[in-house]
Amino acid sequence: MDVNVPTNGKVGDKVQLNTSKKNCLDSNLLTSIAPPSALPSFINPPSTEATVNPVTTNTPTTTSQSFHPTTFSPVIPASKAVDSLSPTTPVPLDPATSSAGDASNAGGGLLGWMKGAVGTSGGLLSKVAERAKNSVDSMITTLDPQMREFLYSGGDVDIVVASDKEVKISPVREAFQAVFGKATVTGVAAQSISVATQPVGFESGINAAKERISSTRASGKLHKMQPILAVENFIVEVVEDKWYDTGVLLLHDPVRELSLHVFTQLTPVPASVVSVAQADTPDDYPLRSSGLSVTVGSLMGNNLQVHHAEWHQALTGVSRRDMVLLAAKSLAGMYKTSIANIL
C-alpha cells in the first residue's frame, strides 16, 4: 500500500531507512531456518557392485572383503608324511612267500568269504540249498502225504514194526524220520500167543510187546540183529473202578544191546465197559491170568458207533495214531541219545 509522504527531505530519508532495516530483518529470519532434513528410507538400495564374470587366470583373484583364512591341522605329522612319501627301494619278494601271503590275504577277503560260503558244509549256499530242498519236500508231502515214505526213507536207521497195521507203522515211521531226518520203517505181521487178547496191567502189556518181537524174529523173515519195535495196548486199573487204556512202545536193538520203552497217554474207560468185558470172558479161558478174551476197543466201538480202532478219537478227540506218534517221538529221541553215547 502506497503512503503519501510529505516532500520533506528529512522525513523521506527516515522512512527509507526504516524500510531497509525491515527488509534486512526479514531476510535474516529466512536465512536462519535450516533446510528440511531427508525422510528416513527403509528400502535397501540396489547393489551397485558389478557382477564379475569368472576368468580363468593363473593369478589369484583378490576381493575387497577381509576374511580369516582356514587353518588345516593334519592328523599325520608332516615329518611322517614326508617319510611316507619319500621314495624307497622296493624289496624283492620270494615267489613262495608271495604266494603264501596272497593265500593268507584271500582267506580274509572276498575270495575267502566265497570259499567259506561254498566249501564248508554249513556255508551260506549249503543252507540255501537245504532250505529249498525242505520247501520242495514239504510241498510234495502236503499234496501227496504218501510220498513222505519215499522222500525220507533211507539213512542209517532201519526199524521194523512188529505189526502189519498202518495205525502202528505210520506214526512210528513219521516219528523216526522227524528225529533222524531219514529212516526206513517197515512192518511185519506178528501176534502174541501166551498173553490174553486184551492184556490187563503193565506187566501183561510189556510181556505182550516182548512176545511180538520174539515171534517176529522167529519168523525168519528178518536178520537176527534187526532192531524191532512193538506197540501193544492194554488196560490198567489205577484206582478202584478207575480204568484207563494205554499203550507201550518197546524197542529192542540187539546190536547195541538196547531195550527202550515208553507209554502213550492214558485214555479213560468206563468201568461198566470193563465189567461187560469181564463178564463175556469165559471162566475157563486159558489166558485169564493175563487179561480178557474180549477187547475194550470192540465194546467201545459198538457203544460209540465207530470202528474199534477209532474209539479214542470219538471219545477224547485225540486219535490213537496221534497218541502213538507222540510216544514214538519220545522213543526215537531216547534211541538217538543212546546211540550217540555208545558211539
Protein backbone atom coordinates (compact mmCIF):
# COMPACT_ATOMS: atom_id res chain seq x y z
CA MET A 1 0.00 0.00 0.00
CA ASP A 2 1.44 3.30 -1.05
CA VAL A 3 1.68 6.11 1.53
CA ASN A 4 1.82 9.68 0.59
CA VAL A 5 4.62 11.29 2.47
CA PRO A 6 5.16 15.00 2.51
CA THR A 7 8.03 16.20 0.42
CA ASN A 8 10.29 16.79 3.25
CA GLY A 9 13.81 15.65 2.82
CA LYS A 10 14.48 14.50 6.34
CA VAL A 11 11.27 12.72 6.79
CA GLY A 12 11.64 10.87 3.48
CA ASP A 13 15.13 9.73 4.36
CA LYS A 14 13.92 8.42 7.66
CA VAL A 15 11.15 6.42 6.08
CA GLN A 16 13.51 4.84 3.59
CA LEU A 17 15.92 3.92 6.38
CA ASN A 18 13.21 2.17 8.34
CA THR A 19 12.09 0.25 5.29
CA SER A 20 15.59 -1.00 4.56
CA LYS A 21 16.06 -2.18 8.14
CA LYS A 22 12.81 -4.09 7.96
CA ASN A 23 13.86 -5.84 4.79
CA CYS A 24 17.17 -6.84 6.37
CA LEU A 25 15.45 -8.34 9.38
CA ASP A 26 13.11 -10.34 7.17
CA SER A 27 15.98 -11.74 5.15
CA ASN A 28 17.93 -12.69 8.28
CA LEU A 29 14.95 -14.61 9.67
CA LEU A 30 14.51 -16.62 6.48
CA THR A 31 18.17 -17.46 6.14
CA SER A 32 18.45 -18.66 9.75
CA ILE A 33 15.91 -21.51 9.17
CA ALA A 34 17.66 -24.78 8.32
CA PRO A 35 16.57 -26.65 5.21
CA PRO A 36 14.24 -29.68 5.77
CA SER A 37 16.00 -32.98 6.51
CA ALA A 38 15.52 -36.01 4.30
CA LEU A 39 12.83 -38.56 5.28
CA PRO A 40 14.09 -41.95 6.51
CA SER A 41 14.00 -44.74 3.92
CA PHE A 42 13.52 -48.44 4.83
CA ILE A 43 14.23 -49.78 1.35
CA ASN A 44 17.71 -51.15 0.81
CA PRO A 45 19.35 -49.52 -2.15
CA PRO A 46 20.19 -51.85 -5.00
CA SER A 47 23.68 -53.26 -5.01
CA THR A 48 25.96 -51.25 -7.13
CA GLU A 49 28.67 -53.90 -7.26
CA ALA A 50 29.28 -55.08 -10.71
CA THR A 51 28.94 -58.80 -11.42
CA VAL A 52 32.35 -60.20 -12.08
CA ASN A 53 32.45 -62.97 -14.61
CA PRO A 54 34.88 -65.75 -13.68
CA VAL A 55 38.02 -65.57 -15.71
CA THR A 56 40.41 -68.46 -15.83
CA THR A 57 43.75 -66.99 -14.90
CA ASN A 58 46.81 -68.22 -13.15
CA THR A 59 46.81 -65.28 -10.73
CA PRO A 60 44.60 -65.50 -7.66
CA THR A 61 41.70 -63.05 -7.50
CA THR A 62 41.51 -60.62 -4.65
CA THR A 63 38.36 -59.42 -3.00
CA SER A 64 37.71 -56.26 -1.12
CA GLN A 65 36.19 -58.16 1.81
CA SER A 66 38.51 -59.32 4.53
CA PHE A 67 38.20 -62.88 5.91
CA HIS A 68 40.01 -65.19 8.26
CA PRO A 69 41.94 -67.93 6.47
CA THR A 70 41.12 -71.56 7.45
CA THR A 71 43.88 -73.36 9.27
CA PHE A 72 44.45 -77.06 8.43
CA SER A 73 45.68 -79.37 11.16
CA PRO A 74 46.88 -82.64 9.67
CA VAL A 75 46.36 -85.82 11.67
CA ILE A 76 49.63 -87.27 10.47
CA PRO A 77 52.64 -85.11 11.36
CA ALA A 78 54.40 -83.51 8.48
CA SER A 79 57.64 -85.36 9.22
CA LYS A 80 55.94 -88.76 8.97
CA ALA A 81 54.06 -87.70 5.87
CA VAL A 82 57.33 -86.75 4.21
CA ASP A 83 58.88 -90.03 5.27
CA SER A 84 55.95 -92.00 3.87
CA LEU A 85 56.13 -90.12 0.59
CA SER A 86 59.86 -90.45 0.25
CA PRO A 87 60.89 -92.96 -2.38
CA THR A 88 62.10 -96.27 -1.04
CA THR A 89 63.86 -99.08 -2.69
CA PRO A 90 61.44 -102.00 -3.31
CA VAL A 91 62.41 -105.21 -1.55
CA PRO A 92 62.37 -108.25 -3.79
CA LEU A 93 59.88 -110.89 -2.69
CA ASP A 94 60.36 -114.61 -2.77
CA PRO A 95 57.75 -116.26 -5.06
CA ALA A 96 56.91 -118.83 -2.40
CA THR A 97 56.47 -116.11 0.23
CA SER A 98 54.35 -114.04 -2.16
CA SER A 99 52.02 -116.91 -2.97
CA ALA A 100 51.66 -117.76 0.72
CA GLY A 101 50.86 -114.14 1.51
CA ASP A 102 48.28 -113.98 -1.26
CA ALA A 103 46.66 -117.15 0.03
CA SER A 104 46.52 -115.79 3.58
CA ASN A 105 45.06 -112.49 2.38
CA ALA A 106 42.49 -114.31 0.29
CA GLY A 107 41.22 -116.08 3.38
CA GLY A 108 40.11 -112.80 4.92
CA GLY A 109 38.84 -111.08 1.79
CA LEU A 110 36.07 -111.65 -0.71
CA LEU A 111 37.64 -114.83 -2.06
CA GLY A 112 37.91 -116.20 1.45
CA TRP A 113 34.26 -115.42 2.10
CA MET A 114 33.25 -117.14 -1.13
CA LYS A 115 35.39 -120.13 -0.24
CA GLY A 116 33.76 -120.37 3.16
CA ALA A 117 30.27 -119.98 1.71
CA VAL A 118 30.75 -122.67 -0.91
CA GLY A 119 33.26 -125.07 0.61
CA THR A 120 32.06 -125.62 4.16
CA SER A 121 29.11 -127.85 4.93
CA GLY A 122 27.44 -125.12 6.96
CA GLY A 123 28.05 -122.35 4.41
CA LEU A 124 25.53 -119.93 3.01
CA LEU A 125 24.91 -121.82 -0.21
CA SER A 126 24.52 -125.11 1.65
CA LYS A 127 21.89 -123.58 3.91
CA VAL A 128 20.02 -122.08 0.96
CA ALA A 129 20.05 -125.41 -0.87
CA GLU A 130 18.88 -127.24 2.25
CA ARG A 131 16.00 -124.82 2.78
CA ALA A 132 14.98 -125.08 -0.86
CA LYS A 133 15.00 -128.87 -0.62
CA ASN A 134 12.93 -128.82 2.56
CA SER A 135 10.41 -126.47 0.95
CA VAL A 136 10.01 -128.72 -2.08
CA ASP A 137 9.71 -131.82 0.09
CA SER A 138 7.12 -130.11 2.27
CA MET A 139 5.07 -129.13 -0.77
CA ILE A 140 5.22 -132.67 -2.18
CA THR A 141 4.23 -134.31 1.09
CA THR A 142 1.38 -131.83 1.51
CA LEU A 143 -0.03 -132.64 -1.93
CA ASP A 144 0.60 -136.37 -1.53
CA PRO A 145 1.21 -137.49 2.08
CA GLN A 146 2.17 -140.98 0.91
CA MET A 147 5.31 -139.54 -0.71
CA ARG A 148 6.79 -138.94 2.74
CA GLU A 149 7.68 -142.62 2.99
CA PHE A 150 9.80 -142.43 -0.18
CA LEU A 151 11.35 -138.99 0.38
CA TYR A 152 12.61 -139.64 3.90
CA SER A 153 13.39 -143.35 3.63
CA GLY A 154 17.00 -144.46 3.83
CA GLY A 155 19.81 -143.43 6.09
CA ASP A 156 21.46 -145.48 8.80
CA VAL A 157 18.30 -146.16 10.83
CA ASP A 158 16.27 -149.24 9.89
CA ILE A 159 13.35 -150.16 12.15
CA VAL A 160 10.82 -152.96 11.75
CA VAL A 161 7.45 -152.67 13.49
CA ALA A 162 6.03 -155.95 14.77
CA SER A 163 2.65 -155.33 13.14
CA ASP A 164 1.09 -155.03 9.71
CA LYS A 165 -1.43 -152.37 10.79
CA GLU A 166 -0.91 -148.91 9.36
CA VAL A 167 -2.18 -147.25 12.54
CA LYS A 168 1.02 -148.51 14.20
CA ILE A 169 3.52 -148.38 11.31
CA SER A 170 2.71 -144.89 10.03
CA PRO A 171 3.21 -142.92 13.28
CA VAL A 172 6.42 -144.81 14.09
CA ARG A 173 7.82 -144.02 10.63
CA GLU A 174 6.90 -140.34 10.90
CA ALA A 175 8.44 -140.05 14.36
CA PHE A 176 11.78 -141.65 13.47
CA GLN A 177 12.07 -139.67 10.24
CA ALA A 178 11.36 -136.46 12.15
CA VAL A 179 14.09 -137.22 14.70
CA PHE A 180 16.77 -138.77 12.45
CA GLY A 181 16.00 -136.93 9.20
CA LYS A 182 15.93 -140.17 7.23
CA ALA A 183 14.86 -143.61 8.44
CA THR A 184 13.48 -146.79 6.93
CA VAL A 185 10.48 -148.15 8.84
CA THR A 186 8.53 -151.20 7.67
CA GLY A 187 6.07 -153.59 9.28
CA VAL A 188 5.80 -157.34 9.68
CA ALA A 189 2.72 -159.17 10.99
CA ALA A 190 3.19 -160.61 14.48
CA GLN A 191 0.98 -161.91 17.28
CA SER A 192 1.38 -162.62 20.97
CA ILE A 193 0.32 -166.17 21.83
CA SER A 194 0.98 -166.52 25.55
CA VAL A 195 -0.79 -163.26 26.53
CA ALA A 196 -4.54 -162.62 26.53
CA THR A 197 -6.24 -160.82 23.65
CA GLN A 198 -6.94 -157.88 25.98
CA PRO A 199 -3.93 -157.53 28.29
CA VAL A 200 -4.67 -156.18 31.76
CA GLY A 201 -1.92 -154.44 33.75
CA PHE A 202 1.51 -153.05 32.91
CA GLU A 203 3.25 -156.40 33.22
CA SER A 204 0.88 -158.12 30.80
CA GLY A 205 1.20 -155.27 28.31
CA ILE A 206 5.01 -155.31 28.32
CA ASN A 207 5.07 -159.12 28.06
CA ALA A 208 2.74 -158.96 25.06
CA ALA A 209 5.08 -156.47 23.33
CA LYS A 210 8.09 -158.67 24.03
CA GLU A 211 6.31 -161.69 22.60
CA ARG A 212 5.51 -159.78 19.40
CA ILE A 213 9.21 -159.03 18.98
CA SER A 214 10.17 -162.65 19.67
CA SER A 215 7.64 -164.04 17.19
CA THR A 216 8.89 -161.58 14.54
CA ARG A 217 12.46 -162.78 14.95
CA ALA A 218 11.38 -166.40 14.94
CA SER A 219 9.61 -165.96 11.61
CA GLY A 220 12.95 -165.95 9.79
CA LYS A 221 11.95 -163.01 7.58
CA LEU A 222 14.45 -160.63 9.15
CA HIS A 223 18.09 -160.53 10.08
CA LYS A 224 18.67 -161.72 13.61
CA MET A 225 20.28 -158.37 14.52
CA GLN A 226 17.43 -156.28 13.12
CA PRO A 227 16.05 -153.59 15.52
CA ILE A 228 12.35 -154.30 16.12
CA LEU A 229 9.69 -152.12 17.72
CA ALA A 230 6.39 -153.42 19.10
CA VAL A 231 3.22 -151.48 20.00
CA GLU A 232 0.76 -153.04 22.42
CA ASN A 233 -2.34 -151.53 24.06
CA PHE A 234 -3.67 -152.68 27.41
CA ILE A 235 -5.95 -151.53 30.21
CA VAL A 236 -4.95 -150.80 33.79
CA GLU A 237 -6.91 -150.05 36.95
CA VAL A 238 -5.15 -147.06 38.51
CA VAL A 239 -7.51 -146.90 41.50
CA GLU A 240 -10.64 -148.86 42.32
CA ASP A 241 -13.13 -148.74 39.42
CA LYS A 242 -10.92 -146.23 37.55
CA TRP A 243 -9.80 -147.92 34.35
CA TYR A 244 -7.60 -146.46 31.65
CA ASP A 245 -6.39 -147.59 28.26
CA THR A 246 -2.74 -147.01 27.37
CA GLY A 247 -0.10 -148.44 25.06
CA VAL A 248 3.54 -149.46 25.38
CA LEU A 249 6.17 -148.95 22.66
CA LEU A 250 9.07 -151.34 23.14
CA LEU A 251 12.25 -151.11 21.02
CA HIS A 252 14.89 -153.84 21.05
CA ASP A 253 18.26 -153.36 19.31
CA PRO A 254 20.47 -156.47 19.72
CA VAL A 255 23.48 -154.87 18.00
CA ARG A 256 23.75 -152.06 20.55
CA GLU A 257 22.14 -154.14 23.30
CA LEU A 258 19.43 -151.55 23.85
CA SER A 259 15.92 -152.12 25.17
CA LEU A 260 13.84 -148.95 25.48
CA HIS A 261 10.14 -148.46 26.15
CA VAL A 262 7.66 -145.60 26.59
CA PHE A 263 3.92 -145.38 27.20
CA THR A 264 1.17 -143.45 25.46
CA GLN A 265 -1.18 -141.13 27.29
CA LEU A 266 -3.95 -142.62 29.41
CA THR A 267 -7.47 -142.72 27.99
CA PRO A 268 -10.30 -143.23 30.50
CA VAL A 269 -12.51 -146.29 30.02
CA PRO A 270 -15.92 -146.54 31.73
CA ALA A 271 -15.98 -149.17 34.46
CA SER A 272 -19.22 -150.53 33.02
CA VAL A 273 -17.46 -151.40 29.75
CA VAL A 274 -14.72 -153.27 31.62
CA SER A 275 -17.39 -155.12 33.58
CA VAL A 276 -19.00 -156.27 30.33
CA ALA A 277 -15.62 -157.48 29.01
CA GLN A 278 -15.02 -159.39 32.23
CA ALA A 279 -18.48 -160.95 32.07
CA ASP A 280 -18.02 -162.00 28.42
CA THR A 281 -14.70 -163.72 29.16
CA PRO A 282 -15.25 -167.43 29.96
CA ASP A 283 -14.08 -168.69 33.30
CA ASP A 284 -12.08 -171.43 31.60
CA TYR A 285 -10.22 -169.01 29.34
CA PRO A 286 -6.62 -170.30 29.47
CA LEU A 287 -5.05 -166.82 29.45
CA ARG A 288 -7.40 -165.32 32.03
CA SER A 289 -4.47 -164.61 34.36
CA SER A 290 -3.01 -162.10 31.89
CA GLY A 291 -6.24 -160.47 30.72
CA LEU A 292 -9.56 -160.85 28.97
CA SER A 293 -10.75 -162.54 25.80
CA VAL A 294 -12.88 -159.54 24.73
CA THR A 295 -11.12 -156.31 23.80
CA VAL A 296 -12.21 -152.99 25.22
CA GLY A 297 -11.85 -151.44 21.76
CA SER A 298 -14.58 -153.62 20.28
CA LEU A 299 -17.01 -152.74 23.08
CA MET A 300 -16.22 -149.01 22.93
CA GLY A 301 -16.64 -149.06 19.15
CA ASN A 302 -20.09 -150.62 19.48
CA ASN A 303 -21.17 -148.11 22.11
CA LEU A 304 -19.85 -145.09 20.17
CA GLN A 305 -20.95 -146.44 16.77
CA VAL A 306 -17.45 -146.17 15.27
CA HIS A 307 -14.71 -148.54 14.12
CA HIS A 308 -12.93 -150.26 17.00
CA ALA A 309 -9.65 -148.50 16.02
CA GLU A 310 -11.28 -145.04 16.16
CA TRP A 311 -12.90 -145.04 19.57
CA HIS A 312 -10.10 -142.89 21.07
CA GLN A 313 -10.90 -140.13 18.57
CA ALA A 314 -14.65 -140.39 19.20
CA LEU A 315 -14.27 -140.30 22.98
CA THR A 316 -11.47 -137.77 23.57
CA GLY A 317 -10.91 -136.02 20.23
CA VAL A 318 -7.35 -137.41 20.00
CA SER A 319 -6.79 -140.34 17.68
CA ARG A 320 -4.80 -143.41 18.62
CA ARG A 321 -2.37 -142.59 15.82
CA ASP A 322 -1.57 -139.22 17.39
CA MET A 323 -1.02 -140.88 20.76
CA VAL A 324 1.36 -143.42 19.23
CA LEU A 325 3.11 -140.66 17.24
CA LEU A 326 3.86 -138.58 20.33
CA ALA A 327 5.16 -141.58 22.24
CA ALA A 328 7.21 -142.73 19.23
CA LYS A 329 8.92 -139.33 19.01
CA SER A 330 9.97 -139.66 22.63
CA LEU A 331 11.24 -143.17 21.99
CA ALA A 332 13.15 -142.06 18.87
CA GLY A 333 14.77 -139.25 20.83
CA MET A 334 15.85 -141.66 23.56
CA TYR A 335 17.19 -144.05 20.93
CA LYS A 336 19.19 -141.29 19.23
CA THR A 337 20.69 -140.17 22.53
CA SER A 338 21.59 -143.74 23.47
CA ILE A 339 23.31 -144.33 20.12
CA ALA A 340 25.33 -141.12 20.49
CA ASN A 341 26.50 -142.14 23.96
CA ILE A 342 27.55 -145.59 22.74
CA LEU A 343 29.48 -144.18 19.78
